Amino acid sequence: MVDFPVRTAEQLPALLQGFRKQAGLTQAATALRLGVTQQTLSALERNADKISADRLLQVLNIFGVELVLRQVGDPPASQNSSGPVW
């Protein structure tokens, strides 16, 4: 398993395109699975930093990619080891 750290939204377009190609999918095939036109998918890839979290998760699911959130460094003192307290 390879990690792809994403620290800025501007990294998403290249990553999504790379994941799509790695999955062996064309924009047209991906668009069909997503229920949008190829033109819409093309715009989505170019502007991936603007899409909703729900849409991003749908696209990643099609590519067989999961989103993992990992805390970097030491957690703030106000948080316990079980995760954020809302």
PDB file of N, CA and C in Angstrom:
ATOM      1  N   MET A   1       0.840  -1.168   0.000  1.00  0.00           N
ATOM      2  CA  MET A   1       0.000   0.000   0.000  1.00  0.00           C
ATOM      3  C   MET A   1       0.889   1.235   0.000  1.00  0.00           C
ATOM      4  N   VAL A   2       0.573   2.187  -0.852  1.00  0.00           N
ATOM      5  CA  VAL A   2       1.357   3.404  -0.964  1.00  0.00           C
ATOM      6  C   VAL A   2       0.511   4.575  -0.472  1.00  0.00           C
ATOM      7  N   ASP A   3       1.102   5.428   0.345  1.00  0.00           N
ATOM      8  CA  ASP A   3       0.422   6.628   0.818  1.00  0.00           C
ATOM      9  C   ASP A   3       0.690   7.779  -0.134  1.00  0.00           C
ATOM     10  N   PHE A   4      -0.301   8.627  -0.292  1.00  0.00           N
ATOM     11  CA  PHE A   4      -0.182   9.836  -1.104  1.00  0.00           C
ATOM     12  C   PHE A   4      -0.603  11.015  -0.235  1.00  0.00           C
ATOM     13  N   PRO A   5       0.329  11.578   0.538  1.00  0.00           N
ATOM     14  CA  PRO A   5      -0.030  12.694   1.412  1.00  0.00           C
ATOM     15  C   PRO A   5      -0.535  13.885   0.598  1.00  0.00           C
ATOM     16  N   VAL A   6      -1.653  14.426   1.018  1.00  0.00           N
ATOM     17  CA  VAL A   6      -2.228  15.598   0.367  1.00  0.00           C
ATOM     18  C   VAL A   6      -2.254  16.718   1.390  1.00  0.00           C
ATOM     19  N   ARG A   7      -1.493  17.753   1.126  1.00  0.00           N
ATOM     20  CA  ARG A   7      -1.408  18.868   2.065  1.00  0.00           C
ATOM     21  C   ARG A   7      -2.072  20.125   1.533  1.00  0.00           C
ATOM     22  N   THR A   8      -2.350  20.142   0.226  1.00  0.00           N
ATOM     23  CA  THR A   8      -3.060  21.284  -0.358  1.00  0.00           C
ATOM     24  C   THR A   8      -4.087  20.774  -1.357  1.00  0.00           C
ATOM     25  N   ALA A   9      -5.162  21.524  -1.503  1.00  0.00           N
ATOM     26  CA  ALA A   9      -6.221  21.146  -2.445  1.00  0.00           C
ATOM     27  C   ALA A   9      -5.717  21.162  -3.886  1.00  0.00           C
ATOM     28  N   GLU A  10      -4.709  21.943  -4.155  1.00  0.00           N
ATOM     29  CA  GLU A  10      -4.176  22.038  -5.508  1.00  0.00           C
ATOM     30  C   GLU A  10      -3.515  20.746  -5.974  1.00  0.00           C
ATOM     31  N   GLN A  11      -3.220  19.838  -5.053  1.00  0.00           N
ATOM     32  CA  GLN A  11      -2.629  18.548  -5.408  1.00  0.00           C
ATOM     33  C   GLN A  11      -3.679  17.575  -5.969  1.00  0.00           C
ATOM     34  N   LEU A  12      -4.940  17.810  -5.685  1.00  0.00           N
ATOM     35  CA  LEU A  12      -5.983  16.853  -6.043  1.00  0.00           C
ATOM     36  C   LEU A  12      -6.142  16.600  -7.542  1.00  0.00           C
ATOM     37  N   PRO A  13      -6.121  17.617  -8.416  1.00  0.00           N
ATOM     38  CA  PRO A  13      -6.326  17.320  -9.837  1.00  0.00           C
ATOM     39  C   PRO A  13      -5.354  16.279 -10.393  1.00  0.00           C
ATOM     40  N   ALA A  14      -4.069  16.433 -10.126  1.00  0.00           N
ATOM     41  CA  ALA A  14      -3.076  15.481 -10.646  1.00  0.00           C
ATOM     42  C   ALA A  14      -3.262  14.099 -10.025  1.00  0.00           C
ATOM     43  N   LEU A  15      -3.589  14.054  -8.739  1.00  0.00           N
ATOM     44  CA  LEU A  15      -3.800  12.765  -8.085  1.00  0.00           C
ATOM     45  C   LEU A  15      -5.013  12.039  -8.654  1.00  0.00           C
ATOM     46  N   LEU A  16      -6.117  12.748  -8.839  1.00  0.00           N
ATOM     47  CA  LEU A  16      -7.310  12.101  -9.387  1.00  0.00           C
ATOM     48  C   LEU A  16      -7.059  11.573 -10.791  1.00  0.00           C
ATOM     49  N   GLN A  17      -6.396  12.359 -11.610  1.00  0.00           N
ATOM     50  CA  GLN A  17      -6.084  11.905 -12.963  1.00  0.00           C
ATOM     51  C   GLN A  17      -5.170  10.677 -12.911  1.00  0.00           C
ATOM     52  N   GLY A  18      -4.187  10.697 -12.033  1.00  0.00           N
ATOM     53  CA  GLY A  18      -3.284   9.562 -11.903  1.00  0.00           C
ATOM     54  C   GLY A  18      -3.993   8.309 -11.413  1.00  0.00           C
ATOM     55  N   PHE A  19      -4.880   8.455 -10.422  1.00  0.00           N
ATOM     56  CA  PHE A  19      -5.647   7.311  -9.922  1.00  0.00           C
ATOM     57  C   PHE A  19      -6.555   6.744 -11.003  1.00  0.00           C
ATOM     58  N   ARG A  20      -7.175   7.629 -11.784  1.00  0.00           N
ATOM     59  CA  ARG A  20      -8.054   7.170 -12.872  1.00  0.00           C
ATOM     60  C   ARG A  20      -7.264   6.358 -13.888  1.00  0.00           C
ATOM     61  N   LYS A  21      -6.126   6.874 -14.286  1.00  0.00           N
ATOM     62  CA  LYS A  21      -5.306   6.165 -15.271  1.00  0.00           C
ATOM     63  C   LYS A  21      -4.777   4.852 -14.706  1.00  0.00           C
ATOM     64  N   GLN A  22      -4.392   4.853 -13.439  1.00  0.00           N
ATOM     65  CA  GLN A  22      -3.904   3.628 -12.802  1.00  0.00           C
ATOM     66  C   GLN A  22      -5.011   2.574 -12.747  1.00  0.00           C
ATOM     67  N   ALA A  23      -6.252   3.027 -12.602  1.00  0.00           N
ATOM     68  CA  ALA A  23      -7.391   2.098 -12.570  1.00  0.00           C
ATOM     69  C   ALA A  23      -7.765   1.625 -13.970  1.00  0.00           C
ATOM     70  N   GLY A  24      -7.102   2.167 -14.988  1.00  0.00           N
ATOM     71  CA  GLY A  24      -7.379   1.765 -16.365  1.00  0.00           C
ATOM     72  C   GLY A  24      -8.691   2.314 -16.896  1.00  0.00           C
ATOM     73  N   LEU A  25      -9.111   3.454 -16.380  1.00  0.00           N
ATOM     74  CA  LEU A  25     -10.384   4.042 -16.789  1.00  0.00           C
ATOM     75  C   LEU A  25     -10.166   5.299 -17.615  1.00  0.00           C
ATOM     76  N   THR A  26     -11.000   5.472 -18.614  1.00  0.00           N
ATOM     77  CA  THR A  26     -11.010   6.716 -19.371  1.00  0.00           C
ATOM     78  C   THR A  26     -11.917   7.709 -18.652  1.00  0.00           C
ATOM     79  N   GLN A  27     -11.858   8.959 -19.070  1.00  0.00           N
ATOM     80  CA  GLN A  27     -12.790   9.940 -18.519  1.00  0.00           C
ATOM     81  C   GLN A  27     -14.225   9.533 -18.840  1.00  0.00           C
ATOM     82  N   ALA A  28     -14.453   9.042 -20.044  1.00  0.00           N
ATOM     83  CA  ALA A  28     -15.806   8.644 -20.441  1.00  0.00           C
ATOM     84  C   ALA A  28     -16.336   7.505 -19.573  1.00  0.00           C
ATOM     85  N   ALA A  29     -15.514   6.493 -19.322  1.00  0.00           N
ATOM     86  CA  ALA A  29     -15.937   5.355 -18.502  1.00  0.00           C
ATOM     87  C   ALA A  29     -16.184   5.783 -17.058  1.00  0.00           C
ATOM     88  N   THR A  30     -15.324   6.641 -16.554  1.00  0.00           N
ATOM     89  CA  THR A  30     -15.494   7.136 -15.185  1.00  0.00           C
ATOM     90  C   THR A  30     -16.752   7.981 -15.080  1.00  0.00           C
ATOM     91  N   ALA A  31     -16.965   8.833 -16.060  1.00  0.00           N
ATOM     92  CA  ALA A  31     -18.163   9.688 -16.075  1.00  0.00           C
ATOM     93  C   ALA A  31     -19.433   8.846 -16.082  1.00  0.00           C
ATOM     94  N   LEU A  32     -19.426   7.783 -16.871  1.00  0.00           N
ATOM     95  CA  LEU A  32     -20.587   6.898 -16.937  1.00  0.00           C
ATOM     96  C   LEU A  32     -20.882   6.302 -15.560  1.00  0.00           C
ATOM     97  N   ARG A  33     -19.857   5.838 -14.876  1.00  0.00           N
ATOM     98  CA  ARG A  33     -20.042   5.269 -13.527  1.00  0.00           C
ATOM     99  C   ARG A  33     -20.512   6.307 -12.520  1.00  0.00           C
ATOM    100  N   LEU A  34     -20.074   7.546 -12.707  1.00  0.00           N
ATOM    101  CA  LEU A  34     -20.413   8.622 -11.790  1.00  0.00           C
ATOM    102  C   LEU A  34     -21.779   9.230 -12.111  1.00  0.00           C
ATOM    103  N   GLY A  35     -22.255   8.973 -13.337  1.00  0.00           N
ATOM    104  CA  GLY A  35     -23.549   9.515 -13.743  1.00  0.00           C
ATOM    105  C   GLY A  35     -23.490  10.946 -14.225  1.00  0.00           C
ATOM    106  N   VAL A  36     -22.348  11.315 -14.812  1.00  0.00           N
ATOM    107  CA  VAL A  36     -22.176  12.659 -15.364  1.00  0.00           C
ATOM    108  C   VAL A  36     -21.629  12.537 -16.785  1.00  0.00           C
ATOM    109  N   THR A  37     -21.532  13.653 -17.484  1.00  0.00           N
ATOM    110  CA  THR A  37     -20.950  13.639 -18.821  1.00  0.00           C
ATOM    111  C   THR A  37     -19.428  13.626 -18.735  1.00  0.00           C
ATOM    112  N   GLN A  38     -18.795  13.260 -19.836  1.00  0.00           N
ATOM    113  CA  GLN A  38     -17.334  13.276 -19.893  1.00  0.00           C
ATOM    114  C   GLN A  38     -16.820  14.697 -19.682  1.00  0.00           C
ATOM    115  N   GLN A  39     -17.530  15.687 -20.211  1.00  0.00           N
ATOM    116  CA  GLN A  39     -17.120  17.082 -20.055  1.00  0.00           C
ATOM    117  C   GLN A  39     -17.173  17.504 -18.588  1.00  0.00           C
ATOM    118  N   THR A  40     -18.208  17.030 -17.880  1.00  0.00           N
ATOM    119  CA  THR A  40     -18.321  17.344 -16.454  1.00  0.00           C
ATOM    120  C   THR A  40     -17.183  16.700 -15.674  1.00  0.00           C
ATOM    121  N   LEU A  41     -16.853  15.472 -16.013  1.00  0.00           N
ATOM    122  CA  LEU A  41     -15.749  14.802 -15.325  1.00  0.00           C
ATOM    123  C   LEU A  41     -14.429  15.507 -15.614  1.00  0.00           C
ATOM    124  N   SER A  42     -14.234  15.932 -16.839  1.00  0.00           N
ATOM    125  CA  SER A  42     -13.019  16.659 -17.197  1.00  0.00           C
ATOM    126  C   SER A  42     -12.898  17.930 -16.348  1.00  0.00           C
ATOM    127  N   ALA A  43     -13.996  18.660 -16.211  1.00  0.00           N
ATOM    128  CA  ALA A  43     -13.989  19.875 -15.388  1.00  0.00           C
ATOM    129  C   ALA A  43     -13.745  19.528 -13.922  1.00  0.00           C
ATOM    130  N   LEU A  44     -14.315  18.418 -13.474  1.00  0.00           N
ATOM    131  CA  LEU A  44     -14.126  17.972 -12.100  1.00  0.00           C
ATOM    132  C   LEU A  44     -12.652  17.666 -11.845  1.00  0.00           C
ATOM    133  N   GLU A  45     -12.013  16.973 -12.771  1.00  0.00           N
ATOM    134  CA  GLU A  45     -10.580  16.663 -12.607  1.00  0.00           C
ATOM    135  C   GLU A  45      -9.745  17.938 -12.582  1.00  0.00           C
ATOM    136  N   ARG A  46     -10.059  18.875 -13.456  1.00  0.00           N
ATOM    137  CA  ARG A  46      -9.285  20.122 -13.519  1.00  0.00           C
ATOM    138  C   ARG A  46      -9.483  20.974 -12.272  1.00  0.00           C
ATOM    139  N   ASN A  47     -10.673  20.897 -11.691  1.00  0.00           N
ATOM    140  CA  ASN A  47     -11.029  21.739 -10.545  1.00  0.00           C
ATOM    141  C   ASN A  47     -11.326  20.898  -9.311  1.00  0.00           C
ATOM    142  N   ALA A  48     -10.572  19.839  -9.123  1.00  0.00           N
ATOM    143  CA  ALA A  48     -10.821  18.910  -8.016  1.00  0.00           C
ATOM    144  C   ALA A  48     -10.726  19.590  -6.662  1.00  0.00           C
ATOM    145  N   ASP A  49      -9.998  20.682  -6.593  1.00  0.00           N
ATOM    146  CA  ASP A  49      -9.893  21.403  -5.327  1.00  0.00           C
ATOM    147  C   ASP A  49     -11.191  22.113  -4.958  1.00  0.00           C
ATOM    148  N   LYS A  50     -12.176  22.111  -5.860  1.00  0.00           N
ATOM    149  CA  LYS A  50     -13.449  22.791  -5.616  1.00  0.00           C
ATOM    150  C   LYS A  50     -14.622  21.833  -5.396  1.00  0.00           C
ATOM    151  N   ILE A  51     -14.408  20.523  -5.508  1.00  0.00           N
ATOM    152  CA  ILE A  51     -15.536  19.592  -5.403  1.00  0.00           C
ATOM    153  C   ILE A  51     -15.861  19.285  -3.943  1.00  0.00           C
ATOM    154  N   SER A  52     -17.084  18.834  -3.723  1.00  0.00           N
ATOM    155  CA  SER A  52     -17.520  18.512  -2.360  1.00  0.00           C
ATOM    156  C   SER A  52     -16.832  17.236  -1.875  1.00  0.00           C
ATOM    157  N   ALA A  53     -16.810  17.081  -0.580  1.00  0.00           N
ATOM    158  CA  ALA A  53     -16.231  15.878   0.009  1.00  0.00           C
ATOM    159  C   ALA A  53     -16.998  14.642  -0.445  1.00  0.00           C
ATOM    160  N   ASP A  54     -18.329  14.758  -0.539  1.00  0.00           N
ATOM    161  CA  ASP A  54     -19.149  13.632  -0.974  1.00  0.00           C
ATOM    162  C   ASP A  54     -18.772  13.196  -2.388  1.00  0.00           C
ATOM    163  N   ARG A  55     -18.631  14.154  -3.295  1.00  0.00           N
ATOM    164  CA  ARG A  55     -18.273  13.839  -4.676  1.00  0.00           C
ATOM    165  C   ARG A  55     -16.865  13.265  -4.742  1.00  0.00           C
ATOM    166  N   LEU A  56     -15.947  13.819  -3.972  1.00  0.00           N
ATOM    167  CA  LEU A  56     -14.575  13.303  -3.939  1.00  0.00           C
ATOM    168  C   LEU A  56     -14.566  11.847  -3.505  1.00  0.00           C
ATOM    169  N   LEU A  57     -15.325  11.524  -2.469  1.00  0.00           N
ATOM    170  CA  LEU A  57     -15.383  10.136  -1.999  1.00  0.00           C
ATOM    171  C   LEU A  57     -16.000   9.222  -3.049  1.00  0.00           C
ATOM    172  N   GLN A  58     -17.003   9.691  -3.786  1.00  0.00           N
ATOM    173  CA  GLN A  58     -17.590   8.891  -4.864  1.00  0.00           C
ATOM    174  C   GLN A  58     -16.547   8.574  -5.932  1.00  0.00           C
ATOM    175  N   VAL A  59     -15.796   9.584  -6.331  1.00  0.00           N
ATOM    176  CA  VAL A  59     -14.776   9.402  -7.368  1.00  0.00           C
ATOM    177  C   VAL A  59     -13.683   8.453  -6.881  1.00  0.00           C
ATOM    178  N   LEU A  60     -13.206   8.658  -5.668  1.00  0.00           N
ATOM    179  CA  LEU A  60     -12.162   7.794  -5.129  1.00  0.00           C
ATOM    180  C   LEU A  60     -12.636   6.345  -5.042  1.00  0.00           C
ATOM    181  N   ASN A  61     -13.890   6.146  -4.687  1.00  0.00           N
ATOM    182  CA  ASN A  61     -14.455   4.801  -4.621  1.00  0.00           C
ATOM    183  C   ASN A  61     -14.414   4.124  -5.991  1.00  0.00           C
ATOM    184  N   ILE A  62     -14.739   4.862  -7.033  1.00  0.00           N
ATOM    185  CA  ILE A  62     -14.698   4.317  -8.394  1.00  0.00           C
ATOM    186  C   ILE A  62     -13.281   3.873  -8.744  1.00  0.00           C
ATOM    187  N   PHE A  63     -12.289   4.618  -8.280  1.00  0.00           N
ATOM    188  CA  PHE A  63     -10.889   4.307  -8.579  1.00  0.00           C
ATOM    189  C   PHE A  63     -10.312   3.241  -7.647  1.00  0.00           C
ATOM    190  N   GLY A  64     -11.089   2.796  -6.662  1.00  0.00           N
ATOM    191  CA  GLY A  64     -10.577   1.822  -5.708  1.00  0.00           C
ATOM    192  C   GLY A  64      -9.587   2.420  -4.735  1.00  0.00           C
ATOM    193  N   VAL A  65      -9.792   3.690  -4.412  1.00  0.00           N
ATOM    194  CA  VAL A  65      -8.895   4.410  -3.512  1.00  0.00           C
ATOM    195  C   VAL A  65      -9.689   4.818  -2.272  1.00  0.00           C
ATOM    196  N   GLU A  66      -9.099   4.621  -1.107  1.00  0.00           N
ATOM    197  CA  GLU A  66      -9.777   5.051   0.110  1.00  0.00           C
ATOM    198  C   GLU A  66      -9.106   6.289   0.669  1.00  0.00           C
ATOM    199  N   LEU A  67      -9.894   7.089   1.361  1.00  0.00           N
ATOM    200  CA  LEU A  67      -9.390   8.296   2.013  1.00  0.00           C
ATOM    201  C   LEU A  67      -9.082   7.947   3.455  1.00  0.00           C
ATOM    202  N   VAL A  68      -7.850   8.188   3.882  1.00  0.00           N
ATOM    203  CA  VAL A  68      -7.427   7.908   5.254  1.00  0.00           C
ATOM    204  C   VAL A  68      -6.920   9.213   5.854  1.00  0.00           C
ATOM    205  N   LEU A  69      -7.450   9.564   7.005  1.00  0.00           N
ATOM    206  CA  LEU A  69      -6.981  10.756   7.702  1.00  0.00           C
ATOM    207  C   LEU A  69      -6.048  10.308   8.812  1.00  0.00           C
ATOM    208  N   ARG A  70      -4.869  10.881   8.821  1.00  0.00           N
ATOM    209  CA  ARG A  70      -3.854  10.484   9.797  1.00  0.00           C
ATOM    210  C   ARG A  70      -3.314  11.729  10.466  1.00  0.00           C
ATOM    211  N   GLN A  71      -3.312  11.726  11.780  1.00  0.00           N
ATOM    212  CA  GLN A  71      -2.769  12.857  12.512  1.00  0.00           C
ATOM    213  C   GLN A  71      -1.252  12.863  12.375  1.00  0.00           C
ATOM    214  N   VAL A  72      -0.695  14.015  12.100  1.00  0.00           N
ATOM    215  CA  VAL A  72       0.744  14.160  11.926  1.00  0.00           C
ATOM    216  C   VAL A  72       1.315  14.807  13.177  1.00  0.00           C
ATOM    217  N   GLY A  73       2.389  14.244  13.699  1.00  0.00           N
ATOM    218  CA  GLY A  73       3.042  14.813  14.867  1.00  0.00           C
ATOM    219  C   GLY A  73       2.300  14.506  16.148  1.00  0.00           C
ATOM    220  N   ASP A  74       2.649  15.236  17.193  1.00  0.00           N
ATOM    221  CA  ASP A  74       2.039  15.034  18.504  1.00  0.00           C
ATOM    222  C   ASP A  74       0.650  15.658  18.534  1.00  0.00           C
ATOM    223  N   PRO A  75      -0.326  14.937  19.112  1.00  0.00           N
ATOM    224  CA  PRO A  75      -1.662  15.510  19.224  1.00  0.00           C
ATOM    225  C   PRO A  75      -1.658  16.666  20.212  1.00  0.00           C
ATOM    226  N   PRO A  76      -2.556  17.646  20.006  1.00  0.00           N
ATOM    227  CA  PRO A  76      -2.660  18.736  20.979  1.00  0.00           C
ATOM    228  C   PRO A  76      -3.003  18.187  22.359  1.00  0.00           C
ATOM    229  N   ALA A  77      -2.560  18.833  23.390  1.00  0.00           N
ATOM    230  CA  ALA A  77      -2.746  18.373  24.771  1.00  0.00           C
ATOM    231  C   ALA A  77      -4.221  18.230  25.135  1.00  0.00           C
ATOM    232  N   SER A  78      -5.101  18.985  24.482  1.00  0.00           N
ATOM    233  CA  SER A  78      -6.517  18.941  24.837  1.00  0.00           C
ATOM    234  C   SER A  78      -7.235  17.728  24.258  1.00  0.00           C
ATOM    235  N   GLN A  79      -6.577  16.948  23.401  1.00  0.00           N
ATOM    236  CA  GLN A  79      -7.214  15.775  22.814  1.00  0.00           C
ATOM    237  C   GLN A  79      -6.711  14.513  23.469  1.00  0.00           C
ATOM    238  N   ASN A  80      -7.591  13.516  23.572  1.00  0.00           N
ATOM    239  CA  ASN A  80      -7.159  12.233  24.089  1.00  0.00           C
ATOM    240  C   ASN A  80      -6.761  11.337  22.937  1.00  0.00           C
ATOM    241  N   SER A  81      -6.284  10.152  23.235  1.00  0.00           N
ATOM    242  CA  SER A  81      -5.768   9.249  22.203  1.00  0.00           C
ATOM    243  C   SER A  81      -6.855   8.637  21.349  1.00  0.00           C
ATOM    244  N   SER A  82      -8.122   8.772  21.726  1.00  0.00           N
ATOM    245  CA  SER A  82      -9.195   8.161  20.943  1.00  0.00           C
ATOM    246  C   SER A  82      -9.652   9.024  19.782  1.00  0.00           C
ATOM    247  N   GLY A  83      -9.117  10.215  19.648  1.00  0.00           N
ATOM    248  CA  GLY A  83      -9.463  11.067  18.516  1.00  0.00           C
ATOM    249  C   GLY A  83     -10.033  12.398  18.973  1.00  0.00           C
ATOM    250  N   PRO A  84     -10.503  13.172  18.014  1.00  0.00           N
ATOM    251  CA  PRO A  84     -11.019  14.504  18.339  1.00  0.00           C
ATOM    252  C   PRO A  84     -12.273  14.425  19.214  1.00  0.00           C
ATOM    253  N   VAL A  85     -12.418  15.406  20.031  1.00  0.00           N
ATOM    254  CA  VAL A  85     -13.619  15.534  20.848  1.00  0.00           C
ATOM    255  C   VAL A  85     -14.416  16.691  20.276  1.00  0.00           C
ATOM    256  N   TRP A  86     -15.613  16.421  19.800  1.00  0.00           N
ATOM    257  CA  TRP A  86     -16.423  17.479  19.181  1.00  0.00           C
ATOM    258  C   TRP A  86     -17.296  18.057  20.178  1.00  0.00           C
TER     259      TRP A  86
END
